[in-house]
Amino acid sequence: MGQSHPGKNACVKDQSRTILCLGRATPRHAFVSGHSDVPGWVLSQTPGGLEKHADTVSEALSGMYTIIELTDHSVTVLTDRMGFRPFYLAAAADGRVIGAGSSVEGLARAVGMETDFDPVSLGELLVHNFVTFPYTTRERIRELPPCSVTTIDPMTGESASRVIWEPTEPKVFASHAEMSGRLERAIRTAGDEITAGCTNAAVLLSGGFDSRLVLAAIPAERLGAALTYVTNENRETRVAAEVAAGAGVAHVPVRRDEAYFPGLVERGMRLLGMELRGNTHGLCLADNGLSDRFDVVIGGQLSDTLLKDHFMPFSKRDALGPKGL
């Protein structure tokens, strides 16, 4: 390869291809024996092309990312398992791909679709603050599926896509104890992987059950602080401070004034584009001068569903729930 140890997300080149990484891809420890913080280096060890080894590469990487491989004859795109780092294709009326990119706004400008709005998607955006997958605010721009590999011929515009993995449920479940053990191991592994290479990570802490678990999943030697968004002091703020004290980690209130939320949509659109693929509540970190203080700030984007009691049997929920007022 042209360089022995490139930067975290630097492109990696050889004589036949260029590999780009968008977002934050973290190689899993079991797969990597060398430059464990460099996704491009991992991909460079898979001769034969990204499409051929997409299953192996997807298994090897964790996090939110899009991997792009460029050659003289093709563009190949690999998306992360949950589709957190979206990537889009623009198509002509006959279905040929005429553009690709990670920003709908930039892609629309590049291919002359800036005003080709989809009225249904615009209505969804205004009412629900999101656009249903795979549609976008533009008529002929679509998002690639999560955990998929797509190859595009830039000369003809032809494309082929396949989904590598889907979150399907087994027909027969293991015992409650075994499933609990698997979930615990997976959470601890995720906490280890997402903070790999970090010495000063922060966790968003509301004080509730799910954020407490995320806090506990991060290796203690990498944890710098627990952050709580605060508009008005309340019980959540006090509980979060008590939880942080019990965990032996510094508690940092992140202040938001009353004007913060009315301006959030406009600021979010400026930052993320009209698609708003994610919330921008974290802008208050920059407002409070905290954006450069930590290596990474970890939120619980899936923890509300994964770690709360939505799927708990009623008998167990009743036993664990509060008694009386």
Protein backbone atom coordinates (compact mmCIF):
# COMPACT_ATOMS: atom_id res chain seq x y z
CA MET A 1 0.00 0.00 0.00
CA GLY A 2 1.05 3.56 -0.50
CA GLN A 3 1.23 4.40 3.21
CA SER A 4 2.04 2.29 6.24
CA HIS A 5 -0.33 3.78 8.82
CA PRO A 6 -2.73 6.45 7.48
CA GLY A 7 -4.96 8.59 9.68
CA LYS A 8 -8.20 7.29 11.15
CA ASN A 9 -10.42 8.01 8.14
CA ALA A 10 -7.79 8.73 5.50
CA CYS A 11 -8.33 7.19 2.09
CA VAL A 12 -6.18 4.17 1.28
CA LYS A 13 -4.85 3.67 -2.26
CA ASP A 14 -3.08 1.05 -4.27
CA GLN A 15 -2.53 0.72 -8.02
CA SER A 16 -6.09 -0.42 -8.75
CA ARG A 17 -8.42 1.24 -6.22
CA THR A 18 -9.09 3.96 -3.69
CA ILE A 19 -10.96 3.16 -0.46
CA LEU A 20 -12.85 5.91 1.39
CA CYS A 21 -14.49 5.74 4.81
CA LEU A 22 -17.26 8.14 5.83
CA GLY A 23 -18.39 8.29 9.44
CA ARG A 24 -16.89 6.36 12.35
CA ALA A 25 -16.06 2.75 11.51
CA THR A 26 -14.30 0.75 14.21
CA PRO A 27 -12.62 -2.55 13.32
CA ARG A 28 -13.52 -5.38 15.69
CA HIS A 29 -10.59 -6.64 17.76
CA ALA A 30 -11.12 -10.27 16.78
CA PHE A 31 -10.52 -9.45 13.12
CA VAL A 32 -7.65 -6.98 13.32
CA SER A 33 -4.09 -7.81 14.25
CA GLY A 34 -2.42 -4.60 13.09
CA HIS A 35 -3.57 -1.00 12.68
CA SER A 36 -6.77 -1.48 14.63
CA ASP A 37 -7.94 2.13 14.36
CA VAL A 38 -7.73 2.41 10.58
CA PRO A 39 -10.75 1.07 8.65
CA GLY A 40 -9.05 1.65 5.30
CA TRP A 41 -6.15 -0.53 6.34
CA VAL A 42 -8.54 -3.38 7.19
CA LEU A 43 -10.17 -3.10 3.77
CA SER A 44 -6.83 -2.99 2.02
CA GLN A 45 -6.17 -6.49 3.34
CA THR A 46 -9.07 -7.90 1.30
CA PRO A 47 -7.73 -8.24 -2.25
CA GLY A 48 -10.31 -8.94 -4.91
CA GLY A 49 -12.61 -6.02 -4.31
CA LEU A 50 -15.13 -4.78 -1.73
CA GLU A 51 -18.11 -6.49 -3.38
CA LYS A 52 -16.44 -9.90 -3.20
CA HIS A 53 -15.51 -9.52 0.47
CA ALA A 54 -18.44 -7.37 1.62
CA ASP A 55 -19.73 -10.00 4.07
CA THR A 56 -16.32 -10.32 5.75
CA VAL A 57 -15.75 -6.56 5.87
CA SER A 58 -19.22 -5.92 7.33
CA GLU A 59 -18.58 -8.51 10.03
CA ALA A 60 -15.20 -6.92 10.76
CA LEU A 61 -16.47 -3.37 11.25
CA SER A 62 -18.63 -1.82 13.95
CA GLY A 63 -20.12 1.67 14.15
CA MET A 64 -21.76 4.20 11.84
CA TYR A 65 -20.09 4.33 8.43
CA THR A 66 -20.22 4.15 4.65
CA ILE A 67 -17.32 2.47 2.84
CA ILE A 68 -16.69 3.46 -0.79
CA GLU A 69 -14.33 1.69 -3.17
CA LEU A 70 -13.39 3.46 -6.40
CA THR A 71 -11.76 1.74 -9.38
CA ASP A 72 -11.41 2.65 -13.06
CA HIS A 73 -14.54 0.63 -13.84
CA SER A 74 -16.82 0.71 -10.80
CA VAL A 75 -17.99 2.41 -7.63
CA THR A 76 -18.85 0.04 -4.77
CA VAL A 77 -20.63 1.19 -1.59
CA LEU A 78 -21.00 -0.72 1.69
CA THR A 79 -23.43 0.62 4.31
CA ASP A 80 -23.42 -0.08 8.05
CA ARG A 81 -25.74 -2.60 9.67
CA MET A 82 -28.31 -0.14 10.98
CA GLY A 83 -28.12 2.42 8.16
CA PHE A 84 -27.01 5.13 10.57
CA ARG A 85 -24.68 6.69 7.97
CA PRO A 86 -26.98 7.05 4.93
CA PHE A 87 -25.81 7.08 1.32
CA TYR A 88 -27.94 8.05 -1.67
CA LEU A 89 -28.22 7.34 -5.41
CA ALA A 90 -29.80 9.70 -7.94
CA ALA A 91 -31.41 8.11 -10.98
CA ALA A 92 -32.51 9.40 -14.39
CA ALA A 93 -36.06 8.80 -15.64
CA ASP A 94 -34.96 5.51 -17.22
CA GLY A 95 -33.47 4.23 -13.92
CA ARG A 96 -29.80 4.78 -14.74
CA VAL A 97 -27.70 6.03 -11.82
CA ILE A 98 -26.42 9.53 -12.58
CA GLY A 99 -25.00 10.47 -9.19
CA ALA A 100 -24.17 9.22 -5.70
CA GLY A 101 -23.41 10.95 -2.43
CA SER A 102 -23.83 11.14 1.34
CA SER A 103 -25.84 14.40 1.28
CA VAL A 104 -29.20 14.69 -0.48
CA GLU A 105 -28.81 18.46 -0.82
CA GLY A 106 -25.34 18.26 -2.35
CA LEU A 107 -26.29 15.37 -4.61
CA ALA A 108 -29.45 17.17 -5.79
CA ARG A 109 -27.42 20.25 -6.73
CA ALA A 110 -24.79 18.16 -8.52
CA VAL A 111 -27.29 16.34 -10.77
CA GLY A 112 -29.74 19.20 -11.37
CA MET A 113 -32.50 17.94 -9.04
CA GLU A 114 -32.40 20.80 -6.57
CA THR A 115 -36.08 21.69 -7.14
CA ASP A 116 -37.41 18.23 -8.08
CA PHE A 117 -39.26 17.89 -4.77
CA ASP A 118 -41.44 14.93 -3.77
CA PRO A 119 -44.54 16.55 -2.18
CA VAL A 120 -45.42 13.45 -0.11
CA SER A 121 -41.94 13.32 1.43
CA LEU A 122 -42.01 17.06 2.10
CA GLY A 123 -45.30 16.57 3.93
CA GLU A 124 -43.77 13.80 6.04
CA LEU A 125 -40.83 16.02 6.88
CA LEU A 126 -43.05 18.88 8.01
CA VAL A 127 -45.43 16.70 10.05
CA HIS A 128 -43.19 13.94 11.42
CA ASN A 129 -39.69 15.48 11.11
CA PHE A 130 -38.46 12.54 8.99
CA VAL A 131 -38.91 10.96 5.55
CA THR A 132 -39.84 7.29 5.22
CA PHE A 133 -37.01 5.04 3.99
CA PRO A 134 -35.87 4.77 1.21
CA TYR A 135 -37.46 7.98 -0.07
CA THR A 136 -36.01 11.48 0.21
CA THR A 137 -37.29 14.99 -0.42
CA ARG A 138 -36.33 14.57 -4.11
CA GLU A 139 -38.36 12.49 -6.56
CA ARG A 140 -35.56 10.29 -7.91
CA ILE A 141 -33.04 10.21 -5.07
CA ARG A 142 -33.21 7.10 -2.89
CA GLU A 143 -31.27 5.85 0.13
CA LEU A 144 -29.32 2.60 -0.06
CA PRO A 145 -30.50 -0.21 2.26
CA PRO A 146 -28.72 -0.82 5.59
CA CYS A 147 -25.99 -3.46 5.54
CA SER A 148 -25.96 -3.66 1.77
CA VAL A 149 -23.28 -3.62 -0.91
CA THR A 150 -24.02 -1.78 -4.16
CA THR A 151 -21.86 -1.71 -7.29
CA ILE A 152 -22.33 1.00 -9.91
CA ASP A 153 -20.90 1.14 -13.43
CA PRO A 154 -20.12 4.85 -13.91
CA MET A 155 -20.05 4.50 -17.71
CA THR A 156 -23.50 2.93 -18.16
CA GLY A 157 -25.22 3.92 -14.91
CA GLU A 158 -26.22 0.32 -14.25
CA SER A 159 -26.21 -0.78 -10.60
CA ALA A 160 -26.66 -3.96 -8.58
CA SER A 161 -27.33 -4.17 -4.85
CA ARG A 162 -27.63 -6.98 -2.31
CA VAL A 163 -28.41 -6.97 1.39
CA ILE A 164 -25.78 -8.80 3.45
CA TRP A 165 -27.56 -9.11 6.80
CA GLU A 166 -30.99 -8.51 8.28
CA PRO A 167 -32.07 -8.48 11.95
CA THR A 168 -34.31 -11.53 11.73
CA GLU A 169 -35.57 -13.31 14.84
CA PRO A 170 -34.83 -17.02 15.43
CA LYS A 171 -37.70 -19.50 15.31
CA VAL A 172 -36.64 -20.96 18.66
CA PHE A 173 -35.25 -18.74 21.41
CA ALA A 174 -32.64 -19.72 23.96
CA SER A 175 -33.46 -19.62 27.67
CA HIS A 176 -34.00 -16.30 29.46
CA ALA A 177 -30.70 -16.71 31.32
CA GLU A 178 -28.74 -17.44 28.14
CA MET A 179 -30.34 -14.52 26.27
CA SER A 180 -29.56 -12.21 29.20
CA GLY A 181 -25.94 -13.36 29.13
CA ARG A 182 -25.70 -12.78 25.38
CA LEU A 183 -27.16 -9.29 25.73
CA GLU A 184 -24.75 -8.40 28.53
CA ARG A 185 -21.74 -9.62 26.53
CA ALA A 186 -22.91 -7.72 23.45
CA ILE A 187 -23.37 -4.49 25.42
CA ARG A 188 -19.94 -4.79 27.06
CA THR A 189 -18.36 -5.52 23.67
CA ALA A 190 -20.09 -2.49 22.16
CA GLY A 191 -18.89 -0.26 25.01
CA ASP A 192 -15.35 -1.52 24.45
CA GLU A 193 -15.45 -1.13 20.67
CA ILE A 194 -17.04 2.31 20.52
CA THR A 195 -14.37 3.72 22.87
CA ALA A 196 -11.40 1.92 21.30
CA GLY A 197 -8.47 4.36 21.24
CA CYS A 198 -10.24 6.83 23.57
CA THR A 199 -8.90 8.09 26.88
CA ASN A 200 -11.61 10.68 27.62
CA ALA A 201 -15.08 9.50 26.60
CA ALA A 202 -18.35 11.01 27.85
CA VAL A 203 -21.81 9.47 28.22
CA LEU A 204 -25.17 11.26 28.02
CA LEU A 205 -26.84 10.47 31.33
CA SER A 206 -30.50 11.10 32.11
CA GLY A 207 -30.31 9.00 35.25
CA GLY A 208 -32.81 6.45 33.94
CA PHE A 209 -32.29 2.71 33.62
CA ASP A 210 -31.11 2.70 30.02
CA SER A 211 -28.55 5.51 30.34
CA ARG A 212 -27.22 3.98 33.58
CA LEU A 213 -26.54 0.77 31.68
CA VAL A 214 -24.74 2.62 28.87
CA LEU A 215 -22.62 4.37 31.52
CA ALA A 216 -21.75 1.02 33.12
CA ALA A 217 -20.84 -0.51 29.74
CA ILE A 218 -17.97 1.91 29.10
CA PRO A 219 -14.56 0.81 30.46
CA ALA A 220 -13.94 2.95 33.56
CA GLU A 221 -10.41 3.93 32.55
CA ARG A 222 -11.76 5.55 29.35
CA LEU A 223 -14.66 7.43 30.96
CA GLY A 224 -14.16 11.16 31.53
CA ALA A 225 -17.61 12.50 32.43
CA ALA A 226 -21.37 12.04 32.42
CA LEU A 227 -23.30 14.80 30.65
CA THR A 228 -26.93 15.75 31.31
CA TYR A 229 -28.90 18.11 29.09
CA VAL A 230 -30.59 20.69 31.35
CA THR A 231 -33.25 23.21 30.38
CA ASN A 232 -34.74 23.45 33.88
CA GLU A 233 -33.48 21.80 37.05
CA ASN A 234 -35.77 18.87 37.91
CA ARG A 235 -35.83 15.38 39.40
CA GLU A 236 -34.07 13.90 36.35
CA THR A 237 -31.18 16.32 36.80
CA ARG A 238 -30.83 15.45 40.50
CA VAL A 239 -31.01 11.69 39.89
CA ALA A 240 -28.42 11.92 37.11
CA ALA A 241 -26.03 13.75 39.46
CA GLU A 242 -26.55 11.05 42.11
CA VAL A 243 -25.95 8.26 39.58
CA ALA A 244 -22.75 9.93 38.34
CA ALA A 245 -21.52 10.34 41.92
CA GLY A 246 -22.28 6.68 42.62
CA ALA A 247 -20.32 5.68 39.52
CA GLY A 248 -17.39 7.87 40.55
CA VAL A 249 -17.49 9.99 37.40
CA ALA A 250 -17.68 13.76 37.00
CA HIS A 251 -21.17 15.12 36.26
CA VAL A 252 -21.44 18.02 33.79
CA PRO A 253 -24.79 19.78 33.26
CA VAL A 254 -25.17 20.94 29.63
CA ARG A 255 -27.37 24.03 29.70
CA ARG A 256 -30.08 24.85 27.16
CA ASP A 257 -32.12 28.04 27.37
CA GLU A 258 -35.80 28.40 26.43
CA ALA A 259 -34.92 29.57 22.89
CA TYR A 260 -32.94 26.41 22.16
CA PHE A 261 -35.77 24.17 20.90
CA PRO A 262 -37.57 26.69 18.63
CA GLY A 263 -34.31 27.13 16.70
CA LEU A 264 -33.35 23.46 16.62
CA VAL A 265 -35.05 22.53 13.33
CA GLU A 266 -33.44 25.40 11.42
CA ARG A 267 -29.99 24.67 12.87
CA GLY A 268 -30.45 20.97 12.23
CA MET A 269 -31.35 21.51 8.58
CA ARG A 270 -28.28 23.68 8.11
CA LEU A 271 -26.10 20.97 9.59
CA LEU A 272 -27.70 17.77 8.23
CA GLY A 273 -29.73 18.96 5.24
CA MET A 274 -33.46 18.65 4.72
CA GLU A 275 -33.50 14.90 5.38
CA LEU A 276 -32.69 15.39 9.09
CA ARG A 277 -31.34 11.84 9.40
CA GLY A 278 -30.88 12.10 13.14
CA ASN A 279 -31.60 14.69 15.81
CA THR A 280 -29.31 17.61 16.52
CA HIS A 281 -29.82 17.93 20.27
CA GLY A 282 -26.04 17.65 20.62
CA LEU A 283 -25.61 21.19 19.29
CA CYS A 284 -25.89 22.33 22.91
CA LEU A 285 -22.49 20.67 23.50
CA ALA A 286 -20.95 23.20 21.12
CA ASP A 287 -23.03 25.99 22.66
CA ASN A 288 -21.48 25.14 26.05
CA GLY A 289 -17.92 24.91 24.72
CA LEU A 290 -17.76 21.12 25.23
CA SER A 291 -17.44 19.96 21.62
CA ASP A 292 -13.65 19.56 21.77
CA ARG A 293 -13.35 18.41 25.37
CA PHE A 294 -14.00 14.68 24.84
CA ASP A 295 -12.80 12.03 22.39
CA VAL A 296 -16.40 10.87 21.85
CA VAL A 297 -19.79 11.58 23.41
CA ILE A 298 -21.99 8.47 23.57
CA GLY A 299 -25.77 8.64 23.56
CA GLY A 300 -28.39 5.92 23.81
CA GLN A 301 -30.02 6.12 20.39
CA LEU A 302 -31.30 2.54 20.56
CA SER A 303 -31.39 2.08 24.32
CA ASP A 304 -34.97 3.34 24.72
CA THR A 305 -36.15 0.32 22.75
CA LEU A 306 -33.48 -2.21 23.63
CA LEU A 307 -33.08 -1.69 27.35
CA LYS A 308 -36.46 -0.57 28.66
CA ASP A 309 -39.49 -2.72 29.40
CA HIS A 310 -41.34 -2.61 26.07
CA PHE A 311 -40.78 -6.35 25.52
CA MET A 312 -40.84 -7.46 29.16
CA PRO A 313 -43.51 -10.03 30.20
CA PHE A 314 -46.38 -8.38 32.08
CA SER A 315 -45.75 -10.47 35.18
CA LYS A 316 -42.14 -9.32 35.42
CA ARG A 317 -43.07 -5.71 34.63
CA ASP A 318 -45.65 -5.72 37.44
CA ALA A 319 -43.14 -7.21 39.88
CA LEU A 320 -40.51 -4.57 39.11
CA GLY A 321 -42.85 -1.60 38.75
CA PRO A 322 -43.51 1.07 41.40
CA LYS A 323 -46.13 0.28 44.03
CA GLY A 324 -48.82 2.91 44.55
CA LEU A 325 -48.39 6.61 43.98
